[in-house]
PDB file of N, CA and C in Angstrom:
ATOM      1  N   MET A   1    -186.410-138.081 161.103  1.00  0.00           N
ATOM      2  CA  MET A   1    -185.212-138.316 161.948  1.00  0.00           C
ATOM      3  C   MET A   1    -185.451-139.175 163.061  1.00  0.00           C
ATOM      4  N   THR A   2    -184.558-139.877 163.569  1.00  0.00           N
ATOM      5  CA  THR A   2    -184.730-140.921 164.665  1.00  0.00           C
ATOM      6  C   THR A   2    -184.205-140.243 165.998  1.00  0.00           C
ATOM      7  N   ILE A   3    -184.911-140.183 166.927  1.00  0.00           N
ATOM      8  CA  ILE A   3    -184.808-139.374 168.219  1.00  0.00           C
ATOM      9  C   ILE A   3    -184.717-140.525 169.256  1.00  0.00           C
ATOM     10  N   LEU A   4    -183.694-140.175 170.160  1.00  0.00           N
ATOM     11  CA  LEU A   4    -183.662-141.068 171.405  1.00  0.00           C
ATOM     12  C   LEU A   4    -184.387-140.292 172.614  1.00  0.00           C
ATOM     13  N   TYR A   5    -185.258-141.049 172.970  1.00  0.00           N
ATOM     14  CA  TYR A   5    -186.277-140.724 174.092  1.00  0.00           C
ATOM     15  C   TYR A   5    -185.590-140.406 175.397  1.00  0.00           C
ATOM     16  N   ALA A   6    -185.960-139.340 176.023  1.00  0.00           N
ATOM     17  CA  ALA A   6    -185.608-138.933 177.337  1.00  0.00           C
ATOM     18  C   ALA A   6    -186.736-138.515 178.242  1.00  0.00           C
ATOM     19  N   ARG A   7    -186.677-138.644 179.516  1.00  0.00           N
ATOM     20  CA  ARG A   7    -187.690-138.144 180.251  1.00  0.00           C
ATOM     21  C   ARG A   7    -187.513-136.447 180.213  1.00  0.00           C
ATOM     22  N   SER A   8    -188.702-135.959 180.484  1.00  0.00           N
ATOM     23  CA  SER A   8    -188.522-134.406 180.581  1.00  0.00           C
ATOM     24  C   SER A   8    -188.705-133.917 182.050  1.00  0.00           C
ATOM     25  N   GLY A   9    -188.190-132.735 182.155  1.00  0.00           N
ATOM     26  CA  GLY A   9    -188.423-132.051 183.379  1.00  0.00           C
ATOM     27  C   GLY A   9    -189.534-131.070 183.407  1.00  0.00           C
ATOM     28  N   GLU A  10    -189.914-130.500 184.322  1.00  0.00           N
ATOM     29  CA  GLU A  10    -191.165-129.785 184.489  1.00  0.00           C
ATOM     30  C   GLU A  10    -191.179-128.841 183.342  1.00  0.00           C
ATOM     31  N   ASP A  11    -190.283-128.221 182.878  1.00  0.00           N
ATOM     32  CA  ASP A  11    -190.334-127.362 181.765  1.00  0.00           C
ATOM     33  C   ASP A  11    -190.201-127.882 180.366  1.00  0.00           C
ATOM     34  N   GLY A  12    -190.251-129.020 180.243  1.00  0.00           N
ATOM     35  CA  GLY A  12    -190.222-130.022 179.056  1.00  0.00           C
ATOM     36  C   GLY A  12    -188.932-130.258 178.478  1.00  0.00           C
ATOM     37  N   GLU A  13    -187.535-129.636 179.045  1.00  0.00           N
ATOM     38  CA  GLU A  13    -186.421-129.999 178.636  1.00  0.00           C
ATOM     39  C   GLU A  13    -186.155-131.463 179.005  1.00  0.00           C
ATOM     40  N   PRO A  14    -185.408-132.044 178.005  1.00  0.00           N
ATOM     41  CA  PRO A  14    -184.949-133.501 178.176  1.00  0.00           C
ATOM     42  C   PRO A  14    -184.164-133.636 179.355  1.00  0.00           C
ATOM     43  N   ARG A  15    -184.163-134.635 180.117  1.00  0.00           N
ATOM     44  CA  ARG A  15    -183.367-134.719 181.340  1.00  0.00           C
ATOM     45  C   ARG A  15    -182.642-136.262 181.015  1.00  0.00           C
ATOM     46  N   TRP A  16    -181.387-135.892 180.946  1.00  0.00           N
ATOM     47  CA  TRP A  16    -180.414-137.461 180.626  1.00  0.00           C
ATOM     48  C   TRP A  16    -180.010-137.732 182.177  1.00  0.00           C
ATOM     49  N   THR A  17    -180.259-139.121 182.294  1.00  0.00           N
ATOM     50  CA  THR A  17    -179.974-139.727 183.577  1.00  0.00           C
ATOM     51  C   THR A  17    -178.837-140.696 183.356  1.00  0.00           C
ATOM     52  N   ASN A  18    -178.237-141.365 184.526  1.00  0.00           N
ATOM     53  CA  ASN A  18    -177.286-142.167 184.418  1.00  0.00           C
ATOM     54  C   ASN A  18    -177.981-143.614 184.104  1.00  0.00           C
ATOM     55  N   THR A  19    -179.267-143.691 183.918  1.00  0.00           N
ATOM     56  CA  THR A  19    -179.988-144.982 183.518  1.00  0.00           C
ATOM     57  C   THR A  19    -180.682-144.602 182.063  1.00  0.00           C
ATOM     58  N   PRO A  20    -180.021-144.652 180.973  1.00  0.00           N
ATOM     59  CA  PRO A  20    -180.765-144.226 179.784  1.00  0.00           C
ATOM     60  C   PRO A  20    -181.788-145.293 179.340  1.00  0.00           C
ATOM     61  N   THR A  21    -182.878-144.876 178.563  1.00  0.00           N
ATOM     62  CA  THR A  21    -183.944-145.852 178.325  1.00  0.00           C
ATOM     63  C   THR A  21    -183.633-146.613 176.928  1.00  0.00           C
ATOM     64  N   TYR A  22    -182.605-145.966 176.077  1.00  0.00           N
ATOM     65  CA  TYR A  22    -182.211-146.561 174.732  1.00  0.00           C
ATOM     66  C   TYR A  22    -183.499-146.659 173.889  1.00  0.00           C
ATOM     67  N   GLN A  23    -184.578-145.907 174.193  1.00  0.00           N
ATOM     68  CA  GLN A  23    -185.538-146.080 173.421  1.00  0.00           C
ATOM     69  C   GLN A  23    -185.602-145.106 172.326  1.00  0.00           C
ATOM     70  N   HIS A  24    -186.011-145.426 171.050  1.00  0.00           N
ATOM     71  CA  HIS A  24    -185.951-144.594 170.023  1.00  0.00           C
ATOM     72  C   HIS A  24    -187.357-144.334 169.313  1.00  0.00           C
ATOM     73  N   PHE A  25    -187.591-143.429 168.576  1.00  0.00           N
ATOM     74  CA  PHE A  25    -188.673-143.223 167.712  1.00  0.00           C
ATOM     75  C   PHE A  25    -188.435-142.366 166.458  1.00  0.00           C
ATOM     76  N   GLU A  26    -189.302-142.502 165.555  1.00  0.00           N
ATOM     77  CA  GLU A  26    -189.147-141.690 164.263  1.00  0.00           C
ATOM     78  C   GLU A  26    -189.876-140.575 164.450  1.00  0.00           C
ATOM     79  N   ALA A  27    -189.403-139.266 163.957  1.00  0.00           N
ATOM     80  CA  ALA A  27    -190.047-138.098 163.957  1.00  0.00           C
ATOM     81  C   ALA A  27    -190.124-137.595 162.692  1.00  0.00           C
ATOM     82  N   CYS A  28    -191.355-137.211 162.071  1.00  0.00           N
ATOM     83  CA  CYS A  28    -191.429-136.739 160.755  1.00  0.00           C
ATOM     84  C   CYS A  28    -191.996-135.310 160.719  1.00  0.00           C
ATOM     85  N   ALA A  29    -191.487-134.563 159.845  1.00  0.00           N
ATOM     86  CA  ALA A  29    -192.286-133.236 159.573  1.00  0.00           C
ATOM     87  C   ALA A  29    -192.621-132.962 158.026  1.00  0.00           C
ATOM     88  N   ALA A  30    -193.505-132.118 157.635  1.00  0.00           N
ATOM     89  CA  ALA A  30    -193.876-131.865 156.391  1.00  0.00           C
ATOM     90  C   ALA A  30    -192.567-131.452 155.431  1.00  0.00           C
ATOM     91  N   SER A  31    -191.684-130.609 156.104  1.00  0.00           N
ATOM     92  CA  SER A  31    -190.485-130.048 155.288  1.00  0.00           C
ATOM     93  C   SER A  31    -189.349-130.216 156.288  1.00  0.00           C
ATOM     94  N   ALA A  32    -188.104-129.981 155.811  1.00  0.00           N
ATOM     95  CA  ALA A  32    -186.912-130.362 156.584  1.00  0.00           C
ATOM     96  C   ALA A  32    -186.521-129.150 157.409  1.00  0.00           C
ATOM     97  N   TYR A  33    -185.815-129.562 158.424  1.00  0.00           N
ATOM     98  CA  TYR A  33    -185.299-128.545 159.388  1.00  0.00           C
ATOM     99  C   TYR A  33    -183.714-128.385 159.090  1.00  0.00           C
ATOM    100  N   ASP A  34    -183.452-127.010 159.256  1.00  0.00           N
ATOM    101  CA  ASP A  34    -181.829-126.808 159.015  1.00  0.00           C
ATOM    102  C   ASP A  34    -180.957-127.802 159.661  1.00  0.00           C
ATOM    103  N   PRO A  35    -180.160-128.650 158.893  1.00  0.00           N
ATOM    104  CA  PRO A  35    -179.338-129.423 159.619  1.00  0.00           C
ATOM    105  C   PRO A  35    -178.366-128.809 160.610  1.00  0.00           C
ATOM    106  N   ARG A  36    -178.089-127.488 160.457  1.00  0.00           N
ATOM    107  CA  ARG A  36    -177.157-126.966 161.493  1.00  0.00           C
ATOM    108  C   ARG A  36    -177.910-126.663 162.849  1.00  0.00           C
ATOM    109  N   LEU A  37    -179.298-126.646 162.778  1.00  0.00           N
ATOM    110  CA  LEU A  37    -180.008-126.340 163.934  1.00  0.00           C
ATOM    111  C   LEU A  37    -180.395-127.625 164.661  1.00  0.00           C
ATOM    112  N   VAL A  38    -180.670-128.608 163.742  1.00  0.00           N
ATOM    113  CA  VAL A  38    -181.224-130.010 164.310  1.00  0.00           C
ATOM    114  C   VAL A  38    -180.243-131.177 163.678  1.00  0.00           C
ATOM    115  N   HIS A  39    -179.580-131.539 164.476  1.00  0.00           N
ATOM    116  CA  HIS A  39    -178.406-132.637 164.135  1.00  0.00           C
ATOM    117  C   HIS A  39    -178.114-133.478 165.345  1.00  0.00           C
ATOM    118  N   GLU A  40    -177.213-134.412 165.028  1.00  0.00           N
ATOM    119  CA  GLU A  40    -176.917-135.288 166.193  1.00  0.00           C
ATOM    120  C   GLU A  40    -176.593-134.726 167.330  1.00  0.00           C
ATOM    121  N   LEU A  41    -177.113-135.071 168.550  1.00  0.00           N
ATOM    122  CA  LEU A  41    -176.969-134.667 169.871  1.00  0.00           C
ATOM    123  C   LEU A  41    -177.552-133.287 170.091  1.00  0.00           C
ATOM    124  N   THR A  42    -178.502-132.852 169.337  1.00  0.00           N
ATOM    125  CA  THR A  42    -179.114-131.637 169.517  1.00  0.00           C
ATOM    126  C   THR A  42    -180.463-132.197 170.351  1.00  0.00           C
ATOM    127  N   ASN A  43    -180.518-131.314 171.440  1.00  0.00           N
ATOM    128  CA  ASN A  43    -181.807-131.584 172.571  1.00  0.00           C
ATOM    129  C   ASN A  43    -182.891-130.866 171.773  1.00  0.00           C
ATOM    130  N   VAL A  44    -184.126-131.672 171.767  1.00  0.00           N
ATOM    131  CA  VAL A  44    -185.313-131.083 171.172  1.00  0.00           C
ATOM    132  C   VAL A  44    -186.346-131.724 172.170  1.00  0.00           C
ATOM    133  N   THR A  45    -187.561-130.866 172.092  1.00  0.00           N
ATOM    134  CA  THR A  45    -188.788-131.499 172.595  1.00  0.00           C
ATOM    135  C   THR A  45    -189.775-131.360 171.360  1.00  0.00           C
ATOM    136  N   ILE A  46    -190.397-132.533 171.300  1.00  0.00           N
ATOM    137  CA  ILE A  46    -191.374-132.639 170.094  1.00  0.00           C
ATOM    138  C   ILE A  46    -192.849-132.688 170.652  1.00  0.00           C
ATOM    139  N   ILE A  47    -193.668-131.974 170.145  1.00  0.00           N
ATOM    140  CA  ILE A  47    -195.109-131.792 170.278  1.00  0.00           C
ATOM    141  C   ILE A  47    -195.471-132.540 168.957  1.00  0.00           C
ATOM    142  N   GLY A  48    -196.366-133.535 169.042  1.00  0.00           N
ATOM    143  CA  GLY A  48    -196.982-134.209 167.978  1.00  0.00           C
ATOM    144  C   GLY A  48    -197.823-135.368 168.130  1.00  0.00           C
ATOM    145  N   ARG A  49    -198.193-136.059 167.111  1.00  0.00           N
ATOM    146  CA  ARG A  49    -199.156-137.188 167.388  1.00  0.00           C
ATOM    147  C   ARG A  49    -198.537-138.397 166.812  1.00  0.00           C
ATOM    148  N   ILE A  50    -198.765-139.449 167.356  1.00  0.00           N
ATOM    149  CA  ILE A  50    -198.378-140.729 166.698  1.00  0.00           C
ATOM    150  C   ILE A  50    -199.124-141.051 165.552  1.00  0.00           C
ATOM    151  N   SER A  51    -198.539-141.280 164.524  1.00  0.00           N
ATOM    152  CA  SER A  51    -199.112-141.557 163.190  1.00  0.00           C
ATOM    153  C   SER A  51    -198.831-143.029 162.639  1.00  0.00           C
ATOM    154  N   GLY A  52    -198.088-143.868 163.225  1.00  0.00           N
ATOM    155  CA  GLY A  52    -198.026-145.253 162.836  1.00  0.00           C
ATOM    156  C   GLY A  52    -196.713-145.900 163.606  1.00  0.00           C
ATOM    157  N   THR A  53    -196.254-146.982 163.023  1.00  0.00           N
ATOM    158  CA  THR A  53    -194.962-147.492 163.488  1.00  0.00           C
ATOM    159  C   THR A  53    -194.005-147.898 162.489  1.00  0.00           C
ATOM    160  N   THR A  54    -192.912-148.017 162.836  1.00  0.00           N
ATOM    161  CA  THR A  54    -191.898-148.365 161.724  1.00  0.00           C
ATOM    162  C   THR A  54    -190.874-149.331 162.397  1.00  0.00           C
ATOM    163  N   TYR A  55    -189.853-149.973 161.652  1.00  0.00           N
ATOM    164  CA  TYR A  55    -188.709-150.577 162.301  1.00  0.00           C
ATOM    165  C   TYR A  55    -187.714-149.729 162.579  1.00  0.00           C
ATOM    166  N   ILE A  56    -187.056-149.811 163.815  1.00  0.00           N
ATOM    167  CA  ILE A  56    -186.110-148.829 163.977  1.00  0.00           C
ATOM    168  C   ILE A  56    -184.844-149.677 164.443  1.00  0.00           C
ATOM    169  N   GLY A  57    -183.792-149.606 163.427  1.00  0.00           N
ATOM    170  CA  GLY A  57    -182.535-150.454 163.639  1.00  0.00           C
ATOM    171  C   GLY A  57    -181.738-149.523 164.411  1.00  0.00           C
ATOM    172  N   SER A  58    -180.930-150.186 165.236  1.00  0.00           N
ATOM    173  CA  SER A  58    -179.916-149.544 166.265  1.00  0.00           C
ATOM    174  C   SER A  58    -178.925-150.347 166.772  1.00  0.00           C
ATOM    175  N   GLY A  59    -177.653-150.145 166.791  1.00  0.00           N
ATOM    176  CA  GLY A  59    -176.503-150.944 167.434  1.00  0.00           C
ATOM    177  C   GLY A  59    -176.719-152.278 167.082  1.00  0.00           C
ATOM    178  N   GLY A  60    -176.850-152.770 165.952  1.00  0.00           N
ATOM    179  CA  GLY A  60    -176.830-154.210 165.536  1.00  0.00           C
ATOM    180  C   GLY A  60    -178.094-154.828 165.678  1.00  0.00           C
ATOM    181  N   GLY A  61    -179.236-154.152 166.315  1.00  0.00           N
ATOM    182  CA  GLY A  61    -180.546-154.791 166.579  1.00  0.00           C
ATOM    183  C   GLY A  61    -181.380-153.901 166.044  1.00  0.00           C
ATOM    184  N   GLY A  62    -182.713-153.910 166.473  1.00  0.00           N
ATOM    185  CA  GLY A  62    -183.864-153.084 166.294  1.00  0.00           C
ATOM    186  C   GLY A  62    -185.201-153.615 166.825  1.00  0.00           C
ATOM    187  N   ARG A  63    -186.118-152.745 166.465  1.00  0.00           N
ATOM    188  CA  ARG A  63    -187.492-153.146 166.955  1.00  0.00           C
ATOM    189  C   ARG A  63    -188.386-152.226 166.307  1.00  0.00           C
ATOM    190  N   THR A  64    -189.638-152.510 166.607  1.00  0.00           N
ATOM    191  CA  THR A  64    -190.619-151.813 166.146  1.00  0.00           C
ATOM    192  C   THR A  64    -190.929-150.497 167.064  1.00  0.00           C
ATOM    193  N   GLY A  65    -191.070-149.390 166.530  1.00  0.00           N
ATOM    194  CA  GLY A  65    -191.384-148.118 167.466  1.00  0.00           C
ATOM    195  C   GLY A  65    -192.187-147.203 166.673  1.00  0.00           C
ATOM    196  N   PRO A  66    -192.755-146.264 167.608  1.00  0.00           N
ATOM    197  CA  PRO A  66    -193.736-145.301 166.945  1.00  0.00           C
ATOM    198  C   PRO A  66    -193.040-144.187 165.871  1.00  0.00           C
ATOM    199  N   VAL A  67    -193.955-143.814 165.096  1.00  0.00           N
ATOM    200  CA  VAL A  67    -193.725-142.595 164.124  1.00  0.00           C
ATOM    201  C   VAL A  67    -194.482-141.518 164.663  1.00  0.00           C
ATOM    202  N   VAL A  68    -193.736-140.461 164.928  1.00  0.00           N
ATOM    203  CA  VAL A  68    -194.485-139.194 165.524  1.00  0.00           C
ATOM    204  C   VAL A  68    -194.477-137.978 164.335  1.00  0.00           C
ATOM    205  N   GLN A  69    -195.786-137.571 164.121  1.00  0.00           N
ATOM    206  CA  GLN A  69    -195.816-136.479 163.226  1.00  0.00           C
ATOM    207  C   GLN A  69    -195.492-135.185 163.917  1.00  0.00           C
ATOM    208  N   ILE A  70    -194.522-134.310 163.658  1.00  0.00           N
ATOM    209  CA  ILE A  70    -194.047-133.296 164.392  1.00  0.00           C
ATOM    210  C   ILE A  70    -195.183-132.133 163.954  1.00  0.00           C
ATOM    211  N   GLU A  71    -195.711-131.705 165.209  1.00  0.00           N
ATOM    212  CA  GLU A  71    -196.477-130.593 165.044  1.00  0.00           C
ATOM    213  C   GLU A  71    -195.694-129.287 165.455  1.00  0.00           C
ATOM    214  N   ASN A  72    -194.948-129.387 166.412  1.00  0.00           N
ATOM    215  CA  ASN A  72    -193.935-128.189 167.003  1.00  0.00           C
ATOM    216  C   ASN A  72    -192.849-128.953 167.521  1.00  0.00           C
ATOM    217  N   LEU A  73    -191.694-128.057 167.187  1.00  0.00           N
ATOM    218  CA  LEU A  73    -190.373-128.778 167.657  1.00  0.00           C
ATOM    219  C   LEU A  73    -189.568-127.578 168.354  1.00  0.00           C
ATOM    220  N   PHE A  74    -189.241-127.903 169.565  1.00  0.00           N
ATOM    221  CA  PHE A  74    -188.612-126.696 170.343  1.00  0.00           C
ATOM    222  C   PHE A  74    -187.048-127.270 170.514  1.00  0.00           C
ATOM    223  N   ARG A  75    -186.163-126.470 170.130  1.00  0.00           N
ATOM    224  CA  ARG A  75    -184.735-126.567 170.335  1.00  0.00           C
ATOM    225  C   ARG A  75    -184.304-126.059 171.665  1.00  0.00           C
ATOM    226  N   TRP A  76    -183.616-126.832 172.429  1.00  0.00           N
ATOM    227  CA  TRP A  76    -182.786-126.382 173.424  1.00  0.00           C
ATOM    228  C   TRP A  76    -181.308-126.154 173.186  1.00  0.00           C
ATOM    229  N   SER A  77    -180.864-124.869 173.134  1.00  0.00           N
ATOM    230  CA  SER A  77    -179.559-124.417 172.855  1.00  0.00           C
ATOM    231  C   SER A  77    -178.654-124.929 173.952  1.00  0.00           C
ATOM    232  N   ASP A  78    -177.382-125.352 173.520  1.00  0.00           N
ATOM    233  CA  ASP A  78    -176.311-125.525 174.454  1.00  0.00           C
ATOM    234  C   ASP A  78    -175.292-124.532 174.435  1.00  0.00           C
ATOM    235  N   CYS A  79    -175.543-123.465 173.853  1.00  0.00           N
ATOM    236  CA  CYS A  79    -174.532-122.584 173.661  1.00  0.00           C
ATOM    237  C   CYS A  79    -174.596-121.632 174.933  1.00  0.00           C
ATOM    238  N   LEU A  80    -173.470-120.922 175.067  1.00  0.00           N
ATOM    239  CA  LEU A  80    -173.295-120.080 176.334  1.00  0.00           C
ATOM    240  C   LEU A  80    -174.301-118.761 176.329  1.00  0.00           C
ATOM    241  N   SER A  81    -174.776-118.700 177.641  1.00  0.00           N
ATOM    242  CA  SER A  81    -175.738-117.562 177.753  1.00  0.00           C
ATOM    243  C   SER A  81    -175.380-116.313 177.101  1.00  0.00           C
ATOM    244  N   GLY A  82    -176.362-115.608 176.301  1.00  0.00           N
ATOM    245  CA  GLY A  82    -175.939-114.399 175.704  1.00  0.00           C
ATOM    246  C   GLY A  82    -175.632-114.504 174.262  1.00  0.00           C
ATOM    247  N   ASP A  83    -175.267-115.723 173.662  1.00  0.00           N
ATOM    248  CA  ASP A  83    -174.745-116.091 172.470  1.00  0.00           C
ATOM    249  C   ASP A  83    -175.901-116.010 171.421  1.00  0.00           C
ATOM    250  N   ASP A  84    -176.131-114.976 170.618  1.00  0.00           N
ATOM    251  CA  ASP A  84    -177.155-114.961 169.770  1.00  0.00           C
ATOM    252  C   ASP A  84    -176.896-115.250 168.233  1.00  0.00           C
ATOM    253  N   SER A  85    -175.841-116.175 168.001  1.00  0.00           N
ATOM    254  CA  SER A  85    -175.378-116.468 166.737  1.00  0.00           C
ATOM    255  C   SER A  85    -176.580-117.418 166.212  1.00  0.00           C
ATOM    256  N   PRO A  86    -176.650-117.461 164.896  1.00  0.00           N
ATOM    257  CA  PRO A  86    -177.857-118.189 164.404  1.00  0.00           C
ATOM    258  C   PRO A  86    -177.611-119.675 164.702  1.00  0.00           C
ATOM    259  N   GLU A  87    -176.626-120.200 164.999  1.00  0.00           N
ATOM    260  CA  GLU A  87    -176.448-121.581 165.201  1.00  0.00           C
ATOM    261  C   GLU A  87    -177.004-121.932 166.747  1.00  0.00           C
ATOM    262  N   CYS A  88    -177.178-120.982 167.351  1.00  0.00           N
ATOM    263  CA  CYS A  88    -177.502-120.801 168.835  1.00  0.00           C
ATOM    264  C   CYS A  88    -178.953-120.696 169.128  1.00  0.00           C
ATOM    265  N   LYS A  89    -179.837-120.865 167.981  1.00  0.00           N
ATOM    266  CA  LYS A  89    -181.245-120.499 168.090  1.00  0.00           C
ATOM    267  C   LYS A  89    -181.935-121.293 169.202  1.00  0.00           C
ATOM    268  N   TYR A  90    -182.789-120.804 170.034  1.00  0.00           N
ATOM    269  CA  TYR A  90    -183.273-121.460 171.279  1.00  0.00           C
ATOM    270  C   TYR A  90    -184.830-120.925 171.138  1.00  0.00           C
ATOM    271  N   GLY A  91    -185.695-122.163 171.019  1.00  0.00           N
ATOM    272  CA  GLY A  91    -187.086-121.884 170.979  1.00  0.00           C
ATOM    273  C   GLY A  91    -187.773-122.887 169.949  1.00  0.00           C
ATOM    274  N   PHE A  92    -188.975-122.485 169.629  1.00  0.00           N
ATOM    275  CA  PHE A  92    -189.659-123.326 168.486  1.00  0.00           C
ATOM    276  C   PHE A  92    -189.006-123.058 167.195  1.00  0.00           C
ATOM    277  N   LEU A  93    -188.816-123.991 166.392  1.00  0.00           N
ATOM    278  CA  LEU A  93    -188.309-123.882 165.024  1.00  0.00           C
ATOM    279  C   LEU A  93    -189.266-124.057 164.048  1.00  0.00           C
ATOM    280  N   ASP A  94    -189.396-123.364 163.017  1.00  0.00           N
ATOM    281  CA  ASP A  94    -190.217-123.373 161.830  1.00  0.00           C
ATOM    282  C   ASP A  94    -189.326-124.014 160.597  1.00  0.00           C
ATOM    283  N   PRO A  95    -189.617-125.176 160.104  1.00  0.00           N
ATOM    284  CA  PRO A  95    -188.666-125.596 159.109  1.00  0.00           C
ATOM    285  C   PRO A  95    -188.659-124.615 157.836  1.00  0.00           C
ATOM    286  N   GLN A  96    -189.812-124.125 157.594  1.00  0.00           N
ATOM    287  CA  GLN A  96    -190.012-122.990 156.527  1.00  0.00           C
ATOM    288  C   GLN A  96    -189.048-121.766 156.625  1.00  0.00           C
ATOM    289  N   THR A  97    -188.991-121.427 157.846  1.00  0.00           N
ATOM    290  CA  THR A  97    -188.229-119.798 157.938  1.00  0.00           C
ATOM    291  C   THR A  97    -186.980-119.923 158.649  1.00  0.00           C
ATOM    292  N   ASP A  98    -186.720-120.990 159.640  1.00  0.00           N
ATOM    293  CA  ASP A  98    -185.472-121.020 160.311  1.00  0.00           C
ATOM    294  C   ASP A  98    -184.304-121.556 159.554  1.00  0.00           C
ATOM    295  N   ILE A  99    -183.994-121.159 158.548  1.00  0.00           N
ATOM    296  CA  ILE A  99    -182.863-121.530 157.679  1.00  0.00           C
ATOM    297  C   ILE A  99    -181.722-120.618 157.921  1.00  0.00           C
ATOM    298  N   ILE A 100    -180.394-120.942 158.342  1.00  0.00           N
ATOM    299  CA  ILE A 100    -179.204-120.208 158.447  1.00  0.00           C
ATOM    300  C   ILE A 100    -178.527-120.033 157.164  1.00  0.00           C
ATOM    301  N   ASP A 101    -178.485-118.801 156.779  1.00  0.00           N
ATOM    302  CA  ASP A 101    -177.813-118.400 155.495  1.00  0.00           C
ATOM    303  C   ASP A 101    -176.260-118.334 155.699  1.00  0.00           C
TER     304      ASP A 101
END
């Protein structure tokens, strides 16, 4: 997946500012995450290691950027407080077990 980089707050949650970086990177995992939990505009924090570089095209242009091998992926839910529906999962995701039926 292609991730848009954001600075993190003290708790690791992405902080979006009025001056975006427009920096992207590729993130890879051994297996797929449920697309209902990780999709466009989902806020995540990735813990991993850089495993190489790749060409990342965006908005009519592109550049070479890092490839990060995901070791842990934390999903920040944007659901209302107390909503415990499966689509509102908050916390670390396991691509093997966090699949919504």
